[in-house]
Structure formats: C-alpha cells, structure tokens
Amino acid sequence: MDLSDARQDLGVAAAAALGAVALTVGLDLLGGVAVPTPARVAPLVVYFAYVFTRKGGPYSSFDTPRNWTVLVVVVTVAAGGYAIAT
C-alpha cells in the first residue's frame, strides 16, 4: 500500500467516523432525538463499501476518495433526517 493510498483511506474513514459520532453525540445526546442503531452505523457501512469495492468492484467508476467522502456526508445527513422524522 502506498502512503498516498493510506492517506486517502484515512480521509474516508475519518469522514465515516465523524458522521457516526455526529449522529450519536449531536442528535442523540445533545438534541434528545433517539437515533436507531442502523442510522448510527450508516456512515460506517459506506466506508466498508469503499474498502471492499475500491479495487475494481461494480462501483469502480465511483472510485475516488472525494466521491466516497461526499457519499458519507449525504448518508449521514439522510440518516439524521430519518432519525428526526421518526
């Protein structure tokens, strides 16, 4: 693994971790909104999809870390919206 690949992986992993923490701390603890477990781990699911498909999987055309980071943010916002709506 090249050092630049590791930095890219770390960036996507950090976005997923921050998304999961934001859902738990921001909504559940500070906002008083009950966030279900599937919504809490949704950003991490995107990261695992990134890890397992980055080497030529069915989504290899999507294979830039910036796109995956944007997808993590979108999924986090959607999960937060779902938690607020329920």
PDB file of N, CA and C in Angstrom:
ATOM      1  N   MET A   1       0.841  -1.169   0.000  1.00  0.00           N
ATOM      2  CA  MET A   1       0.000   0.000   0.000  1.00  0.00           C
ATOM      3  C   MET A   1       0.889   1.235   0.000  1.00  0.00           C
ATOM      4  N   ASP A   2       0.584   2.136  -0.874  1.00  0.00           N
ATOM      5  CA  ASP A   2       1.309   3.392  -0.988  1.00  0.00           C
ATOM      6  C   ASP A   2       0.849   4.353   0.105  1.00  0.00           C
ATOM      7  N   LEU A   3       1.710   5.283   0.485  1.00  0.00           N
ATOM      8  CA  LEU A   3       1.380   6.242   1.528  1.00  0.00           C
ATOM      9  C   LEU A   3       0.213   7.139   1.120  1.00  0.00           C
ATOM     10  N   SER A   4       0.129   7.499  -0.146  1.00  0.00           N
ATOM     11  CA  SER A   4      -0.994   8.327  -0.594  1.00  0.00           C
ATOM     12  C   SER A   4      -2.305   7.552  -0.532  1.00  0.00           C
ATOM     13  N   ASP A   5      -2.255   6.240  -0.801  1.00  0.00           N
ATOM     14  CA  ASP A   5      -3.453   5.414  -0.655  1.00  0.00           C
ATOM     15  C   ASP A   5      -3.896   5.367   0.797  1.00  0.00           C
ATOM     16  N   ALA A   6      -2.941   5.267   1.695  1.00  0.00           N
ATOM     17  CA  ALA A   6      -3.277   5.231   3.120  1.00  0.00           C
ATOM     18  C   ALA A   6      -3.905   6.547   3.561  1.00  0.00           C
ATOM     19  N   ARG A   7      -3.397   7.659   3.057  1.00  0.00           N
ATOM     20  CA  ARG A   7      -3.980   8.964   3.399  1.00  0.00           C
ATOM     21  C   ARG A   7      -5.401   9.083   2.869  1.00  0.00           C
ATOM     22  N   GLN A   8      -5.628   8.585   1.671  1.00  0.00           N
ATOM     23  CA  GLN A   8      -6.975   8.628   1.113  1.00  0.00           C
ATOM     24  C   GLN A   8      -7.924   7.763   1.931  1.00  0.00           C
ATOM     25  N   ASP A   9      -7.475   6.571   2.290  1.00  0.00           N
ATOM     26  CA  ASP A   9      -8.293   5.695   3.129  1.00  0.00           C
ATOM     27  C   ASP A   9      -8.590   6.338   4.473  1.00  0.00           C
ATOM     28  N   LEU A  10      -7.596   6.998   5.037  1.00  0.00           N
ATOM     29  CA  LEU A  10      -7.776   7.661   6.323  1.00  0.00           C
ATOM     30  C   LEU A  10      -8.790   8.797   6.214  1.00  0.00           C
ATOM     31  N   GLY A  11      -8.785   9.507   5.117  1.00  0.00           N
ATOM     32  CA  GLY A  11      -9.755  10.585   4.923  1.00  0.00           C
ATOM     33  C   GLY A  11     -11.182  10.077   4.880  1.00  0.00           C
ATOM     34  N   VAL A  12     -11.416   8.989   4.147  1.00  0.00           N
ATOM     35  CA  VAL A  12     -12.761   8.425   4.067  1.00  0.00           C
ATOM     36  C   VAL A  12     -13.160   7.824   5.419  1.00  0.00           C
ATOM     37  N   ALA A  13     -12.216   7.164   6.088  1.00  0.00           N
ATOM     38  CA  ALA A  13     -12.501   6.591   7.403  1.00  0.00           C
ATOM     39  C   ALA A  13     -12.816   7.687   8.414  1.00  0.00           C
ATOM     40  N   ALA A  14     -12.086   8.794   8.363  1.00  0.00           N
ATOM     41  CA  ALA A  14     -12.350   9.904   9.287  1.00  0.00           C
ATOM     42  C   ALA A  14     -13.727  10.510   9.044  1.00  0.00           C
ATOM     43  N   ALA A  15     -14.110  10.641   7.792  1.00  0.00           N
ATOM     44  CA  ALA A  15     -15.446  11.180   7.486  1.00  0.00           C
ATOM     45  C   ALA A  15     -16.536  10.257   8.014  1.00  0.00           C
ATOM     46  N   ALA A  16     -16.346   8.944   7.847  1.00  0.00           N
ATOM     47  CA  ALA A  16     -17.334   7.988   8.345  1.00  0.00           C
ATOM     48  C   ALA A  16     -17.399   8.008   9.867  1.00  0.00           C
ATOM     49  N   ALA A  17     -16.258   8.069  10.510  1.00  0.00           N
ATOM     50  CA  ALA A  17     -16.238   8.099  11.975  1.00  0.00           C
ATOM     51  C   ALA A  17     -16.873   9.377  12.501  1.00  0.00           C
ATOM     52  N   LEU A  18     -16.549  10.509  11.886  1.00  0.00           N
ATOM     53  CA  LEU A  18     -17.151  11.770  12.310  1.00  0.00           C
ATOM     54  C   LEU A  18     -18.661  11.780  12.083  1.00  0.00           C
ATOM     55  N   GLY A  19     -19.101  11.154  11.009  1.00  0.00           N
ATOM     56  CA  GLY A  19     -20.537  11.062  10.756  1.00  0.00           C
ATOM     57  C   GLY A  19     -21.241  10.242  11.817  1.00  0.00           C
ATOM     58  N   ALA A  20     -20.657   9.104  12.186  1.00  0.00           N
ATOM     59  CA  ALA A  20     -21.262   8.263  13.222  1.00  0.00           C
ATOM     60  C   ALA A  20     -21.265   8.967  14.573  1.00  0.00           C
ATOM     61  N   VAL A  21     -20.176   9.652  14.888  1.00  0.00           N
ATOM     62  CA  VAL A  21     -20.098  10.382  16.155  1.00  0.00           C
ATOM     63  C   VAL A  21     -21.078  11.553  16.155  1.00  0.00           C
ATOM     64  N   ALA A  22     -21.199  12.237  15.034  1.00  0.00           N
ATOM     65  CA  ALA A  22     -22.133  13.369  14.953  1.00  0.00           C
ATOM     66  C   ALA A  22     -23.568  12.915  15.162  1.00  0.00           C
ATOM     67  N   LEU A  23     -23.921  11.766  14.599  1.00  0.00           N
ATOM     68  CA  LEU A  23     -25.272  11.257  14.802  1.00  0.00           C
ATOM     69  C   LEU A  23     -25.517  10.904  16.264  1.00  0.00           C
ATOM     70  N   THR A  24     -24.528  10.279  16.880  1.00  0.00           N
ATOM     71  CA  THR A  24     -24.712   9.844  18.256  1.00  0.00           C
ATOM     72  C   THR A  24     -24.659  11.018  19.227  1.00  0.00           C
ATOM     73  N   VAL A  25     -23.615  11.811  19.135  1.00  0.00           N
ATOM     74  CA  VAL A  25     -23.451  12.912  20.094  1.00  0.00           C
ATOM     75  C   VAL A  25     -24.383  14.072  19.763  1.00  0.00           C
ATOM     76  N   GLY A  26     -24.390  14.467  18.503  1.00  0.00           N
ATOM     77  CA  GLY A  26     -25.157  15.643  18.124  1.00  0.00           C
ATOM     78  C   GLY A  26     -26.653  15.475  18.264  1.00  0.00           C
ATOM     79  N   LEU A  27     -27.175  14.398  17.746  1.00  0.00           N
ATOM     80  CA  LEU A  27     -28.621  14.218  17.788  1.00  0.00           C
ATOM     81  C   LEU A  27     -29.083  13.518  19.056  1.00  0.00           C
ATOM     82  N   ASP A  28     -28.437  12.410  19.385  1.00  0.00           N
ATOM     83  CA  ASP A  28     -28.926  11.593  20.489  1.00  0.00           C
ATOM     84  C   ASP A  28     -28.653  12.232  21.844  1.00  0.00           C
ATOM     85  N   LEU A  29     -27.429  12.618  22.090  1.00  0.00           N
ATOM     86  CA  LEU A  29     -27.083  13.138  23.412  1.00  0.00           C
ATOM     87  C   LEU A  29     -27.422  14.615  23.579  1.00  0.00           C
ATOM     88  N   LEU A  30     -27.094  15.443  22.603  1.00  0.00           N
ATOM     89  CA  LEU A  30     -27.337  16.875  22.737  1.00  0.00           C
ATOM     90  C   LEU A  30     -28.735  17.291  22.291  1.00  0.00           C
ATOM     91  N   GLY A  31     -29.233  16.657  21.242  1.00  0.00           N
ATOM     92  CA  GLY A  31     -30.532  17.045  20.698  1.00  0.00           C
ATOM     93  C   GLY A  31     -31.711  16.316  21.297  1.00  0.00           C
ATOM     94  N   GLY A  32     -31.458  15.236  21.999  1.00  0.00           N
ATOM     95  CA  GLY A  32     -32.546  14.472  22.598  1.00  0.00           C
ATOM     96  C   GLY A  32     -33.368  13.672  21.609  1.00  0.00           C
ATOM     97  N   VAL A  33     -32.839  13.457  20.412  1.00  0.00           N
ATOM     98  CA  VAL A  33     -33.529  12.678  19.387  1.00  0.00           C
ATOM     99  C   VAL A  33     -32.998  11.253  19.443  1.00  0.00           C
ATOM    100  N   ALA A  34     -33.883  10.300  19.591  1.00  0.00           N
ATOM    101  CA  ALA A  34     -33.464   8.893  19.631  1.00  0.00           C
ATOM    102  C   ALA A  34     -33.047   8.457  18.229  1.00  0.00           C
ATOM    103  N   VAL A  35     -31.782   8.108  18.082  1.00  0.00           N
ATOM    104  CA  VAL A  35     -31.252   7.671  16.785  1.00  0.00           C
ATOM    105  C   VAL A  35     -31.146   6.150  16.808  1.00  0.00           C
ATOM    106  N   PRO A  36     -31.874   5.455  15.926  1.00  0.00           N
ATOM    107  CA  PRO A  36     -31.785   3.998  15.906  1.00  0.00           C
ATOM    108  C   PRO A  36     -30.393   3.528  15.473  1.00  0.00           C
ATOM    109  N   THR A  37     -30.045   2.334  15.904  1.00  0.00           N
ATOM    110  CA  THR A  37     -28.712   1.799  15.619  1.00  0.00           C
ATOM    111  C   THR A  37     -28.401   1.715  14.123  1.00  0.00           C
ATOM    112  N   PRO A  38     -29.313   1.271  13.261  1.00  0.00           N
ATOM    113  CA  PRO A  38     -28.973   1.243  11.837  1.00  0.00           C
ATOM    114  C   PRO A  38     -28.617   2.631  11.280  1.00  0.00           C
ATOM    115  N   ALA A  39     -29.267   3.660  11.787  1.00  0.00           N
ATOM    116  CA  ALA A  39     -28.939   5.013  11.331  1.00  0.00           C
ATOM    117  C   ALA A  39     -27.574   5.443  11.852  1.00  0.00           C
ATOM    118  N   ARG A  40     -27.216   5.005  13.042  1.00  0.00           N
ATOM    119  CA  ARG A  40     -25.911   5.362  13.606  1.00  0.00           C
ATOM    120  C   ARG A  40     -24.757   4.751  12.826  1.00  0.00           C
ATOM    121  N   VAL A  41     -24.940   3.542  12.333  1.00  0.00           N
ATOM    122  CA  VAL A  41     -23.846   2.862  11.635  1.00  0.00           C
ATOM    123  C   VAL A  41     -23.892   3.063  10.122  1.00  0.00           C
ATOM    124  N   ALA A  42     -24.846   3.812   9.618  1.00  0.00           N
ATOM    125  CA  ALA A  42     -24.964   4.026   8.175  1.00  0.00           C
ATOM    126  C   ALA A  42     -23.696   4.639   7.559  1.00  0.00           C
ATOM    127  N   PRO A  43     -23.060   5.643   8.190  1.00  0.00           N
ATOM    128  CA  PRO A  43     -21.817   6.149   7.599  1.00  0.00           C
ATOM    129  C   PRO A  43     -20.711   5.096   7.555  1.00  0.00           C
ATOM    130  N   LEU A  44     -20.686   4.212   8.522  1.00  0.00           N
ATOM    131  CA  LEU A  44     -19.667   3.164   8.541  1.00  0.00           C
ATOM    132  C   LEU A  44     -19.913   2.133   7.442  1.00  0.00           C
ATOM    133  N   VAL A  45     -21.166   1.908   7.105  1.00  0.00           N
ATOM    134  CA  VAL A  45     -21.489   0.990   6.010  1.00  0.00           C
ATOM    135  C   VAL A  45     -20.933   1.526   4.695  1.00  0.00           C
ATOM    136  N   VAL A  46     -21.012   2.832   4.516  1.00  0.00           N
ATOM    137  CA  VAL A  46     -20.448   3.441   3.305  1.00  0.00           C
ATOM    138  C   VAL A  46     -18.940   3.239   3.280  1.00  0.00           C
ATOM    139  N   TYR A  47     -18.285   3.394   4.418  1.00  0.00           N
ATOM    140  CA  TYR A  47     -16.838   3.181   4.461  1.00  0.00           C
ATOM    141  C   TYR A  47     -16.480   1.747   4.110  1.00  0.00           C
ATOM    142  N   PHE A  48     -17.222   0.779   4.648  1.00  0.00           N
ATOM    143  CA  PHE A  48     -16.938  -0.615   4.320  1.00  0.00           C
ATOM    144  C   PHE A  48     -17.190  -0.893   2.840  1.00  0.00           C
ATOM    145  N   ALA A  49     -18.195  -0.261   2.266  1.00  0.00           N
ATOM    146  CA  ALA A  49     -18.414  -0.400   0.819  1.00  0.00           C
ATOM    147  C   ALA A  49     -17.221   0.163   0.053  1.00  0.00           C
ATOM    148  N   TYR A  50     -16.682   1.267   0.525  1.00  0.00           N
ATOM    149  CA  TYR A  50     -15.484   1.853  -0.100  1.00  0.00           C
ATOM    150  C   TYR A  50     -14.310   0.891  -0.030  1.00  0.00           C
ATOM    151  N   VAL A  51     -14.103   0.303   1.124  1.00  0.00           N
ATOM    152  CA  VAL A  51     -12.964  -0.602   1.314  1.00  0.00           C
ATOM    153  C   VAL A  51     -13.074  -1.827   0.413  1.00  0.00           C
ATOM    154  N   PHE A  52     -14.261  -2.398   0.319  1.00  0.00           N
ATOM    155  CA  PHE A  52     -14.409  -3.652  -0.413  1.00  0.00           C
ATOM    156  C   PHE A  52     -14.641  -3.482  -1.907  1.00  0.00           C
ATOM    157  N   THR A  53     -14.913  -2.269  -2.378  1.00  0.00           N
ATOM    158  CA  THR A  53     -15.151  -2.090  -3.815  1.00  0.00           C
ATOM    159  C   THR A  53     -14.119  -1.225  -4.496  1.00  0.00           C
ATOM    160  N   ARG A  54     -13.117  -0.740  -3.805  1.00  0.00           N
ATOM    161  CA  ARG A  54     -12.177   0.191  -4.429  1.00  0.00           C
ATOM    162  C   ARG A  54     -11.224  -0.471  -5.398  1.00  0.00           C
ATOM    163  N   LYS A  55     -11.114  -1.752  -5.412  1.00  0.00           N
ATOM    164  CA  LYS A  55     -10.188  -2.445  -6.307  1.00  0.00           C
ATOM    165  C   LYS A  55     -10.917  -3.087  -7.483  1.00  0.00           C
ATOM    166  N   GLY A  56     -11.772  -2.320  -8.143  1.00  0.00           N
ATOM    167  CA  GLY A  56     -12.390  -2.804  -9.364  1.00  0.00           C
ATOM    168  C   GLY A  56     -13.703  -3.524  -9.178  1.00  0.00           C
ATOM    169  N   GLY A  57     -14.438  -3.176  -8.165  1.00  0.00           N
ATOM    170  CA  GLY A  57     -15.750  -3.768  -7.951  1.00  0.00           C
ATOM    171  C   GLY A  57     -16.771  -3.168  -8.904  1.00  0.00           C
ATOM    172  N   PRO A  58     -18.035  -3.411  -8.655  1.00  0.00           N
ATOM    173  CA  PRO A  58     -19.070  -2.910  -9.556  1.00  0.00           C
ATOM    174  C   PRO A  58     -19.172  -1.385  -9.563  1.00  0.00           C
ATOM    175  N   TYR A  59     -18.609  -0.709  -8.556  1.00  0.00           N
ATOM    176  CA  TYR A  59     -18.667   0.741  -8.498  1.00  0.00           C
ATOM    177  C   TYR A  59     -17.298   1.366  -8.732  1.00  0.00           C
ATOM    178  N   SER A  60     -16.470   0.738  -9.547  1.00  0.00           N
ATOM    179  CA  SER A  60     -15.101   1.225  -9.733  1.00  0.00           C
ATOM    180  C   SER A  60     -15.052   2.584 -10.429  1.00  0.00           C
ATOM    181  N   SER A  61     -16.088   2.966 -11.166  1.00  0.00           N
ATOM    182  CA  SER A  61     -16.096   4.295 -11.774  1.00  0.00           C
ATOM    183  C   SER A  61     -16.333   5.378 -10.723  1.00  0.00           C
ATOM    184  N   PHE A  62     -16.822   5.003  -9.572  1.00  0.00           N
ATOM    185  CA  PHE A  62     -17.076   5.928  -8.463  1.00  0.00           C
ATOM    186  C   PHE A  62     -15.864   6.020  -7.547  1.00  0.00           C
ATOM    187  N   ASP A  63     -14.784   5.380  -7.953  1.00  0.00           N
ATOM    188  CA  ASP A  63     -13.659   5.096  -7.072  1.00  0.00           C
ATOM    189  C   ASP A  63     -12.695   6.257  -6.886  1.00  0.00           C
ATOM    190  N   THR A  64     -13.189   7.368  -6.380  1.00  0.00           N
ATOM    191  CA  THR A  64     -12.304   8.424  -5.917  1.00  0.00           C
ATOM    192  C   THR A  64     -12.663   8.704  -4.458  1.00  0.00           C
ATOM    193  N   PRO A  65     -11.689   8.924  -3.626  1.00  0.00           N
ATOM    194  CA  PRO A  65     -11.975   9.171  -2.206  1.00  0.00           C
ATOM    195  C   PRO A  65     -12.875  10.385  -1.977  1.00  0.00           C
ATOM    196  N   ARG A  66     -12.759  11.383  -2.833  1.00  0.00           N
ATOM    197  CA  ARG A  66     -13.631  12.558  -2.683  1.00  0.00           C
ATOM    198  C   ARG A  66     -15.093  12.183  -2.870  1.00  0.00           C
ATOM    199  N   ASN A  67     -15.387  11.354  -3.862  1.00  0.00           N
ATOM    200  CA  ASN A  67     -16.765  10.916  -4.089  1.00  0.00           C
ATOM    201  C   ASN A  67     -17.289  10.098  -2.920  1.00  0.00           C
ATOM    202  N   TRP A  68     -16.442   9.225  -2.374  1.00  0.00           N
ATOM    203  CA  TRP A  68     -16.864   8.417  -1.235  1.00  0.00           C
ATOM    204  C   TRP A  68     -17.098   9.277   0.002  1.00  0.00           C
ATOM    205  N   THR A  69     -16.266  10.304   0.182  1.00  0.00           N
ATOM    206  CA  THR A  69     -16.448  11.201   1.315  1.00  0.00           C
ATOM    207  C   THR A  69     -17.762  11.974   1.178  1.00  0.00           C
ATOM    208  N   VAL A  70     -18.062  12.423  -0.014  1.00  0.00           N
ATOM    209  CA  VAL A  70     -19.339  13.106  -0.253  1.00  0.00           C
ATOM    210  C   VAL A  70     -20.501  12.154   0.020  1.00  0.00           C
ATOM    211  N   LEU A  71     -20.368  10.911  -0.399  1.00  0.00           N
ATOM    212  CA  LEU A  71     -21.419   9.927  -0.145  1.00  0.00           C
ATOM    213  C   LEU A  71     -21.602   9.693   1.355  1.00  0.00           C
ATOM    214  N   VAL A  72     -20.503   9.666   2.107  1.00  0.00           N
ATOM    215  CA  VAL A  72     -20.604   9.527   3.567  1.00  0.00           C
ATOM    216  C   VAL A  72     -21.389  10.692   4.151  1.00  0.00           C
ATOM    217  N   VAL A  73     -21.100  11.901   3.703  1.00  0.00           N
ATOM    218  CA  VAL A  73     -21.809  13.082   4.216  1.00  0.00           C
ATOM    219  C   VAL A  73     -23.295  13.018   3.865  1.00  0.00           C
ATOM    220  N   VAL A  74     -23.605  12.641   2.643  1.00  0.00           N
ATOM    221  CA  VAL A  74     -25.002  12.546   2.218  1.00  0.00           C
ATOM    222  C   VAL A  74     -25.743  11.490   3.032  1.00  0.00           C
ATOM    223  N   VAL A  75     -25.119  10.341   3.236  1.00  0.00           N
ATOM    224  CA  VAL A  75     -25.754   9.277   4.018  1.00  0.00           C
ATOM    225  C   VAL A  75     -25.935   9.706   5.472  1.00  0.00           C
ATOM    226  N   THR A  76     -24.965  10.425   6.024  1.00  0.00           N
ATOM    227  CA  THR A  76     -25.074  10.905   7.399  1.00  0.00           C
ATOM    228  C   THR A  76     -26.231  11.888   7.543  1.00  0.00           C
ATOM    229  N   VAL A  77     -26.344  12.820   6.619  1.00  0.00           N
ATOM    230  CA  VAL A  77     -27.444  13.782   6.659  1.00  0.00           C
ATOM    231  C   VAL A  77     -28.787  13.077   6.487  1.00  0.00           C
ATOM    232  N   ALA A  78     -28.841  12.098   5.583  1.00  0.00           N
ATOM    233  CA  ALA A  78     -30.081  11.350   5.382  1.00  0.00           C
ATOM    234  C   ALA A  78     -30.448  10.543   6.627  1.00  0.00           C
ATOM    235  N   ALA A  79     -29.464   9.927   7.265  1.00  0.00           N
ATOM    236  CA  ALA A  79     -29.734   9.169   8.484  1.00  0.00           C
ATOM    237  C   ALA A  79     -30.196  10.091   9.603  1.00  0.00           C
ATOM    238  N   GLY A  80     -29.591  11.279   9.696  1.00  0.00           N
ATOM    239  CA  GLY A  80     -30.045  12.245  10.693  1.00  0.00           C
ATOM    240  C   GLY A  80     -31.458  12.718  10.417  1.00  0.00           C
ATOM    241  N   GLY A  81     -31.767  12.966   9.157  1.00  0.00           N
ATOM    242  CA  GLY A  81     -33.139  13.343   8.784  1.00  0.00           C
ATOM    243  C   GLY A  81     -34.131  12.248   9.103  1.00  0.00           C
ATOM    244  N   TYR A  82     -33.736  11.005   8.854  1.00  0.00           N
ATOM    245  CA  TYR A  82     -34.614   9.873   9.176  1.00  0.00           C
ATOM    246  C   TYR A  82     -34.856   9.797  10.681  1.00  0.00           C
ATOM    247  N   ALA A  83     -33.797   9.987  11.467  1.00  0.00           N
ATOM    248  CA  ALA A  83     -33.933   9.913  12.924  1.00  0.00           C
ATOM    249  C   ALA A  83     -34.834  11.031  13.448  1.00  0.00           C
ATOM    250  N   ILE A  84     -34.711  12.209  12.879  1.00  0.00           N
ATOM    251  CA  ILE A  84     -35.557  13.330  13.317  1.00  0.00           C
ATOM    252  C   ILE A  84     -37.008  13.096  12.932  1.00  0.00           C
ATOM    253  N   ALA A  85     -37.217  12.523  11.745  1.00  0.00           N
ATOM    254  CA  ALA A  85     -38.587  12.306  11.252  1.00  0.00           C
ATOM    255  C   ALA A  85     -39.327  11.211  12.011  1.00  0.00           C
ATOM    256  N   THR A  86     -38.594  10.259  12.591  1.00  0.00           N
ATOM    257  CA  THR A  86     -39.273   9.160  13.284  1.00  0.00           C
ATOM    258  C   THR A  86     -39.435   9.406  14.745  1.00  0.00           C
TER     259      THR A  86
END
